[in-house]
PDB file of all heavy atoms in Angstrom:
ATOM      1  N   GLY A   1     153.320  29.732 -52.340  1.00  0.00           N
ATOM      2  CA  GLY A   1     154.458  30.698 -52.794  1.00  0.00           C
ATOM      3  C   GLY A   1     155.777  30.235 -52.410  1.00  0.00           C
ATOM      4  O   GLY A   1     156.043  29.059 -51.847  1.00  0.00           O
ATOM      5  N   GLY A   2     156.783  31.036 -52.681  1.00  0.00           N
ATOM      6  CA  GLY A   2     158.130  30.731 -52.455  1.00  0.00           C
ATOM      7  C   GLY A   2     158.741  30.169 -53.618  1.00  0.00           C
ATOM      8  O   GLY A   2     158.350  30.095 -54.721  1.00  0.00           O
ATOM      9  N   CYS A   3     160.043  29.567 -53.317  1.00  0.00           N
ATOM     10  CA  CYS A   3     160.861  28.963 -54.397  1.00  0.00           C
ATOM     11  C   CYS A   3     161.147  27.559 -54.118  1.00  0.00           C
ATOM     12  O   CYS A   3     162.259  27.012 -54.588  1.00  0.00           O
ATOM     13  CB  CYS A   3     162.134  29.745 -54.537  1.00  0.00           C
ATOM     14  SG  CYS A   3     161.853  31.591 -54.933  1.00  0.00           S
ATOM     15  N   GLY A   4     160.211  26.899 -53.326  1.00  0.00           N
ATOM     16  CA  GLY A   4     160.489  25.515 -53.012  1.00  0.00           C
ATOM     17  C   GLY A   4     160.376  25.233 -51.459  1.00  0.00           C
ATOM     18  O   GLY A   4     160.033  24.152 -51.104  1.00  0.00           O
ATOM     19  N   GLU A   5     160.519  26.347 -50.739  1.00  0.00           N
ATOM     20  CA  GLU A   5     160.424  26.144 -49.155  1.00  0.00           C
ATOM     21  C   GLU A   5     159.128  26.785 -48.618  1.00  0.00           C
ATOM     22  O   GLU A   5     159.179  27.016 -47.459  1.00  0.00           O
ATOM     23  CB  GLU A   5     161.576  26.656 -48.423  1.00  0.00           C
ATOM     24  CG  GLU A   5     162.970  26.196 -48.993  1.00  0.00           C
ATOM     25  CD  GLU A   5     164.169  27.034 -48.436  1.00  0.00           C
ATOM     26  OE1 GLU A   5     164.484  26.714 -47.231  1.00  0.00           O
ATOM     27  OE2 GLU A   5     164.612  27.900 -48.983  1.00  0.00           O
ATOM     28  N   GLY A   6     158.260  27.226 -49.415  1.00  0.00           N
ATOM     29  CA  GLY A   6     157.188  28.093 -48.991  1.00  0.00           C
ATOM     30  C   GLY A   6     157.606  29.562 -48.925  1.00  0.00           C
ATOM     31  O   GLY A   6     158.681  29.969 -49.081  1.00  0.00           O
ATOM     32  N   PRO A   7     156.670  30.437 -48.656  1.00  0.00           N
ATOM     33  CA  PRO A   7     156.936  31.951 -48.697  1.00  0.00           C
ATOM     34  C   PRO A   7     157.655  32.360 -47.415  1.00  0.00           C
ATOM     35  O   PRO A   7     157.373  31.893 -46.325  1.00  0.00           O
ATOM     36  CB  PRO A   7     155.521  32.485 -48.641  1.00  0.00           C
ATOM     37  CG  PRO A   7     154.537  31.511 -48.120  1.00  0.00           C
ATOM     38  CD  PRO A   7     155.256  30.197 -48.390  1.00  0.00           C
ATOM     39  N   ASP A   8     158.560  33.259 -47.612  1.00  0.00           N
ATOM     40  CA  ASP A   8     159.344  33.980 -46.442  1.00  0.00           C
ATOM     41  C   ASP A   8     158.676  35.091 -45.792  1.00  0.00           C
ATOM     42  O   ASP A   8     157.590  35.407 -46.302  1.00  0.00           O
ATOM     43  CB  ASP A   8     160.682  34.200 -46.855  1.00  0.00           C
ATOM     44  CG  ASP A   8     160.804  35.351 -47.952  1.00  0.00           C
ATOM     45  OD1 ASP A   8     159.693  35.927 -48.171  1.00  0.00           O
ATOM     46  OD2 ASP A   8     161.877  35.724 -48.346  1.00  0.00           O
ATOM     47  N   ASP A   9     159.130  35.545 -44.705  1.00  0.00           N
ATOM     48  CA  ASP A   9     158.499  36.619 -43.944  1.00  0.00           C
ATOM     49  C   ASP A   9     158.456  37.908 -44.813  1.00  0.00           C
ATOM     50  O   ASP A   9     157.395  38.626 -44.750  1.00  0.00           O
ATOM     51  CB  ASP A   9     159.346  37.029 -42.656  1.00  0.00           C
ATOM     52  CG  ASP A   9     159.270  35.880 -41.688  1.00  0.00           C
ATOM     53  OD1 ASP A   9     158.416  34.965 -41.745  1.00  0.00           O
ATOM     54  OD2 ASP A   9     160.247  35.830 -40.783  1.00  0.00           O
ATOM     55  N   PHE A  10     159.516  38.096 -45.624  1.00  0.00           N
ATOM     56  CA  PHE A  10     159.525  39.358 -46.514  1.00  0.00           C
ATOM     57  C   PHE A  10     158.182  39.309 -47.511  1.00  0.00           C
ATOM     58  O   PHE A  10     157.673  40.402 -47.584  1.00  0.00           O
ATOM     59  CB  PHE A  10     160.851  39.251 -47.308  1.00  0.00           C
ATOM     60  CG  PHE A  10     161.079  40.394 -48.277  1.00  0.00           C
ATOM     61  CD1 PHE A  10     161.624  41.568 -47.826  1.00  0.00           C
ATOM     62  CD2 PHE A  10     160.496  40.353 -49.578  1.00  0.00           C
ATOM     63  CE1 PHE A  10     161.940  42.610 -48.636  1.00  0.00           C
ATOM     64  CE2 PHE A  10     160.861  41.521 -50.422  1.00  0.00           C
ATOM     65  CZ  PHE A  10     161.505  42.625 -49.998  1.00  0.00           C
ATOM     66  N   SER A  11     157.986  38.199 -48.055  1.00  0.00           N
ATOM     67  CA  SER A  11     156.807  38.154 -49.003  1.00  0.00           C
ATOM     68  C   SER A  11     155.408  38.034 -48.267  1.00  0.00           C
ATOM     69  O   SER A  11     154.466  38.550 -48.884  1.00  0.00           O
ATOM     70  CB  SER A  11     156.950  36.847 -49.827  1.00  0.00           C
ATOM     71  OG  SER A  11     156.610  35.787 -49.051  1.00  0.00           O
ATOM     72  N   GLN A  12     155.356  37.726 -46.970  1.00  0.00           N
ATOM     73  CA  GLN A  12     154.182  37.768 -46.262  1.00  0.00           C
ATOM     74  C   GLN A  12     153.969  39.128 -45.562  1.00  0.00           C
ATOM     75  O   GLN A  12     152.839  39.383 -45.036  1.00  0.00           O
ATOM     76  CB  GLN A  12     154.174  36.724 -45.077  1.00  0.00           C
ATOM     77  CG  GLN A  12     154.199  35.232 -45.746  1.00  0.00           C
ATOM     78  CD  GLN A  12     154.407  34.290 -44.538  1.00  0.00           C
ATOM     79  OE1 GLN A  12     153.613  34.273 -43.647  1.00  0.00           O
ATOM     80  NE2 GLN A  12     155.450  33.426 -44.662  1.00  0.00           N
ATOM     81  N   SER A  13     154.873  40.069 -45.604  1.00  0.00           N
ATOM     82  CA  SER A  13     154.761  41.264 -44.821  1.00  0.00           C
ATOM     83  C   SER A  13     153.791  42.263 -45.453  1.00  0.00           C
ATOM     84  O   SER A  13     153.651  42.330 -46.671  1.00  0.00           O
ATOM     85  CB  SER A  13     156.250  41.919 -44.860  1.00  0.00           C
ATOM     86  OG  SER A  13     156.193  43.259 -44.390  1.00  0.00           O
ATOM     87  N   TRP A  14     153.202  43.066 -44.575  1.00  0.00           N
ATOM     88  CA  TRP A  14     152.377  44.086 -44.990  1.00  0.00           C
ATOM     89  C   TRP A  14     153.141  45.147 -45.873  1.00  0.00           C
ATOM     90  O   TRP A  14     152.519  45.900 -46.610  1.00  0.00           O
ATOM     91  CB  TRP A  14     151.783  44.860 -43.793  1.00  0.00           C
ATOM     92  CG  TRP A  14     152.813  45.514 -42.844  1.00  0.00           C
ATOM     93  CD1 TRP A  14     153.478  44.891 -41.835  1.00  0.00           C
ATOM     94  CD2 TRP A  14     153.504  46.847 -42.900  1.00  0.00           C
ATOM     95  NE1 TRP A  14     154.502  45.785 -41.270  1.00  0.00           N
ATOM     96  CE2 TRP A  14     154.484  47.046 -42.018  1.00  0.00           C
ATOM     97  CE3 TRP A  14     153.177  48.021 -43.751  1.00  0.00           C
ATOM     98  CZ2 TRP A  14     155.073  48.088 -41.792  1.00  0.00           C
ATOM     99  CZ3 TRP A  14     153.952  49.186 -43.675  1.00  0.00           C
ATOM    100  CH2 TRP A  14     154.892  49.272 -42.673  1.00  0.00           C
ATOM    101  N   GLU A  15     154.444  45.155 -45.768  1.00  0.00           N
ATOM    102  CA  GLU A  15     155.279  46.148 -46.508  1.00  0.00           C
ATOM    103  C   GLU A  15     155.175  45.873 -48.095  1.00  0.00           C
ATOM    104  O   GLU A  15     155.353  46.944 -48.811  1.00  0.00           O
ATOM    105  CB  GLU A  15     156.715  46.051 -46.143  1.00  0.00           C
ATOM    106  CG  GLU A  15     156.806  46.406 -44.513  1.00  0.00           C
ATOM    107  CD  GLU A  15     158.334  46.290 -44.077  1.00  0.00           C
ATOM    108  OE1 GLU A  15     159.200  47.182 -44.607  1.00  0.00           O
ATOM    109  OE2 GLU A  15     158.572  45.455 -43.382  1.00  0.00           O
ATOM    110  N   ARG A  16     154.815  44.750 -48.443  1.00  0.00           N
ATOM    111  CA  ARG A  16     154.599  44.401 -49.892  1.00  0.00           C
ATOM    112  C   ARG A  16     153.496  45.235 -50.437  1.00  0.00           C
ATOM    113  O   ARG A  16     153.522  45.898 -51.447  1.00  0.00           O
ATOM    114  CB  ARG A  16     154.286  42.984 -50.173  1.00  0.00           C
ATOM    115  CG  ARG A  16     155.435  41.997 -49.665  1.00  0.00           C
ATOM    116  CD  ARG A  16     156.745  42.075 -50.515  1.00  0.00           C
ATOM    117  NE  ARG A  16     157.438  43.391 -50.325  1.00  0.00           N
ATOM    118  CZ  ARG A  16     158.216  43.749 -49.299  1.00  0.00           C
ATOM    119  NH1 ARG A  16     158.239  43.059 -48.197  1.00  0.00           N
ATOM    120  NH2 ARG A  16     158.815  44.933 -49.309  1.00  0.00           N
ATOM    121  N   LEU A  17     152.307  45.235 -49.666  1.00  0.00           N
ATOM    122  CA  LEU A  17     151.125  46.073 -50.043  1.00  0.00           C
ATOM    123  C   LEU A  17     151.281  47.602 -49.893  1.00  0.00           C
ATOM    124  O   LEU A  17     150.961  48.347 -50.625  1.00  0.00           O
ATOM    125  CB  LEU A  17     149.869  45.623 -49.139  1.00  0.00           C
ATOM    126  CG  LEU A  17     148.595  46.283 -49.411  1.00  0.00           C
ATOM    127  CD1 LEU A  17     148.124  45.954 -50.823  1.00  0.00           C
ATOM    128  CD2 LEU A  17     147.542  45.734 -48.424  1.00  0.00           C
ATOM    129  N   HIS A  18     152.138  47.911 -48.804  1.00  0.00           N
ATOM    130  CA  HIS A  18     152.552  49.342 -48.682  1.00  0.00           C
ATOM    131  C   HIS A  18     153.312  49.889 -49.949  1.00  0.00           C
ATOM    132  O   HIS A  18     152.969  51.029 -50.354  1.00  0.00           O
ATOM    133  CB  HIS A  18     153.378  49.472 -47.389  1.00  0.00           C
ATOM    134  CG  HIS A  18     153.975  50.844 -47.255  1.00  0.00           C
ATOM    135  ND1 HIS A  18     153.176  52.018 -47.017  1.00  0.00           N
ATOM    136  CD2 HIS A  18     155.174  51.334 -47.365  1.00  0.00           C
ATOM    137  CE1 HIS A  18     154.002  53.024 -46.994  1.00  0.00           C
ATOM    138  NE2 HIS A  18     155.154  52.651 -47.264  1.00  0.00           N
ATOM    139  N   GLU A  19     154.259  49.102 -50.442  1.00  0.00           N
ATOM    140  CA  GLU A  19     154.920  49.488 -51.614  1.00  0.00           C
ATOM    141  C   GLU A  19     153.955  49.736 -52.752  1.00  0.00           C
ATOM    142  O   GLU A  19     153.975  50.632 -53.541  1.00  0.00           O
ATOM    143  CB  GLU A  19     156.098  48.577 -51.943  1.00  0.00           C
ATOM    144  CG  GLU A  19     157.078  48.476 -51.077  1.00  0.00           C
ATOM    145  CD  GLU A  19     158.434  47.921 -51.678  1.00  0.00           C
ATOM    146  OE1 GLU A  19     158.492  47.845 -52.957  1.00  0.00           O
ATOM    147  OE2 GLU A  19     159.421  47.717 -50.844  1.00  0.00           O
ATOM    148  N   LEU A  20     153.077  48.763 -53.056  1.00  0.00           N
ATOM    149  CA  LEU A  20     152.077  48.748 -54.071  1.00  0.00           C
ATOM    150  C   LEU A  20     151.187  50.010 -53.961  1.00  0.00           C
ATOM    151  O   LEU A  20     151.085  50.776 -54.885  1.00  0.00           O
ATOM    152  CB  LEU A  20     151.155  47.444 -54.025  1.00  0.00           C
ATOM    153  CG  LEU A  20     150.085  47.346 -55.113  1.00  0.00           C
ATOM    154  CD1 LEU A  20     149.808  45.834 -55.273  1.00  0.00           C
ATOM    155  CD2 LEU A  20     148.786  48.061 -54.821  1.00  0.00           C
ATOM    156  N   GLN A  21     150.737  50.262 -52.809  1.00  0.00           N
ATOM    157  CA  GLN A  21     149.765  51.474 -52.553  1.00  0.00           C
ATOM    158  C   GLN A  21     150.603  52.766 -52.702  1.00  0.00           C
ATOM    159  O   GLN A  21     150.052  53.801 -53.227  1.00  0.00           O
ATOM    160  CB  GLN A  21     149.123  51.515 -51.223  1.00  0.00           C
ATOM    161  CG  GLN A  21     148.099  50.301 -51.158  1.00  0.00           C
ATOM    162  CD  GLN A  21     147.636  50.012 -49.706  1.00  0.00           C
ATOM    163  OE1 GLN A  21     148.404  50.368 -48.742  1.00  0.00           O
ATOM    164  NE2 GLN A  21     146.601  49.387 -49.532  1.00  0.00           N
ATOM    165  N   THR A  22     151.859  52.785 -52.451  1.00  0.00           N
ATOM    166  CA  THR A  22     152.706  54.031 -52.580  1.00  0.00           C
ATOM    167  C   THR A  22     152.974  54.228 -54.019  1.00  0.00           C
ATOM    168  O   THR A  22     152.809  55.362 -54.578  1.00  0.00           O
ATOM    169  CB  THR A  22     153.961  53.984 -51.910  1.00  0.00           C
ATOM    170  OG1 THR A  22     153.724  53.597 -50.495  1.00  0.00           O
ATOM    171  CG2 THR A  22     154.802  55.181 -51.887  1.00  0.00           C
ATOM    172  N   LEU A  23     153.369  53.220 -54.836  1.00  0.00           N
ATOM    173  CA  LEU A  23     153.732  53.374 -56.183  1.00  0.00           C
ATOM    174  C   LEU A  23     152.609  53.861 -57.120  1.00  0.00           C
ATOM    175  O   LEU A  23     152.941  54.452 -58.037  1.00  0.00           O
ATOM    176  CB  LEU A  23     154.372  52.019 -56.697  1.00  0.00           C
ATOM    177  CG  LEU A  23     155.780  51.701 -56.132  1.00  0.00           C
ATOM    178  CD1 LEU A  23     156.026  50.172 -56.386  1.00  0.00           C
ATOM    179  CD2 LEU A  23     156.803  52.539 -56.740  1.00  0.00           C
ATOM    180  N   ILE A  24     151.344  53.466 -56.775  1.00  0.00           N
ATOM    181  CA  ILE A  24     150.336  53.861 -57.659  1.00  0.00           C
ATOM    182  C   ILE A  24     149.812  55.218 -57.355  1.00  0.00           C
ATOM    183  O   ILE A  24     148.866  55.696 -57.992  1.00  0.00           O
ATOM    184  CB  ILE A  24     149.224  52.698 -57.692  1.00  0.00           C
ATOM    185  CG1 ILE A  24     148.588  52.653 -56.291  1.00  0.00           C
ATOM    186  CG2 ILE A  24     149.769  51.440 -58.183  1.00  0.00           C
ATOM    187  CD1 ILE A  24     147.332  51.696 -56.340  1.00  0.00           C
ATOM    188  N   LYS A  25     150.315  55.924 -56.337  1.00  0.00           N
ATOM    189  CA  LYS A  25     149.763  57.204 -55.959  1.00  0.00           C
ATOM    190  C   LYS A  25     149.816  58.197 -57.063  1.00  0.00           C
ATOM    191  O   LYS A  25     150.901  58.409 -57.561  1.00  0.00           O
ATOM    192  CB  LYS A  25     150.376  57.773 -54.639  1.00  0.00           C
ATOM    193  CG  LYS A  25     150.008  56.978 -53.454  1.00  0.00           C
ATOM    194  CD  LYS A  25     150.359  57.769 -52.161  1.00  0.00           C
ATOM    195  CE  LYS A  25     149.781  57.070 -51.006  1.00  0.00           C
ATOM    196  NZ  LYS A  25     150.351  57.418 -49.751  1.00  0.00           N
ATOM    197  N   PRO A  26     148.906  58.926 -57.405  1.00  0.00           N
ATOM    198  CA  PRO A  26     148.825  59.933 -58.426  1.00  0.00           C
ATOM    199  C   PRO A  26     149.844  60.991 -58.282  1.00  0.00           C
ATOM    200  O   PRO A  26     150.506  61.563 -59.224  1.00  0.00           O
ATOM    201  CB  PRO A  26     147.468  60.534 -58.486  1.00  0.00           C
ATOM    202  CG  PRO A  26     146.564  59.574 -57.752  1.00  0.00           C
ATOM    203  CD  PRO A  26     147.420  58.837 -56.729  1.00  0.00           C
ATOM    204  N   GLU A  27     150.204  61.417 -57.043  1.00  0.00           N
ATOM    205  CA  GLU A  27     151.221  62.462 -56.821  1.00  0.00           C
ATOM    206  C   GLU A  27     152.510  62.007 -57.289  1.00  0.00           C
ATOM    207  O   GLU A  27     153.446  62.894 -57.642  1.00  0.00           O
ATOM    208  CB  GLU A  27     151.157  63.056 -55.428  1.00  0.00           C
ATOM    209  CG  GLU A  27     151.393  62.013 -54.258  1.00  0.00           C
ATOM    210  CD  GLU A  27     150.076  61.507 -53.737  1.00  0.00           C
ATOM    211  OE1 GLU A  27     149.099  61.298 -54.404  1.00  0.00           O
ATOM    212  OE2 GLU A  27     150.078  61.549 -52.449  1.00  0.00           O
ATOM    213  N   LEU A  28     152.880  60.726 -57.297  1.00  0.00           N
ATOM    214  CA  LEU A  28     154.174  60.133 -57.602  1.00  0.00           C
ATOM    215  C   LEU A  28     154.138  60.305 -59.190  1.00  0.00           C
ATOM    216  O   LEU A  28     155.281  60.856 -59.831  1.00  0.00           O
ATOM    217  CB  LEU A  28     154.433  58.697 -57.290  1.00  0.00           C
ATOM    218  CG  LEU A  28     155.803  58.151 -57.386  1.00  0.00           C
ATOM    219  CD1 LEU A  28     156.821  59.018 -56.740  1.00  0.00           C
ATOM    220  CD2 LEU A  28     155.782  56.649 -56.849  1.00  0.00           C
TER     221      LEU A  28
END
């Protein structure tokens, strides 16, 4: 991953999965 230097902390964070799980919630 990444853009030439490998993946950064932002992309490795659990927060990426948290956003995914929130966005697909039926109540949204």
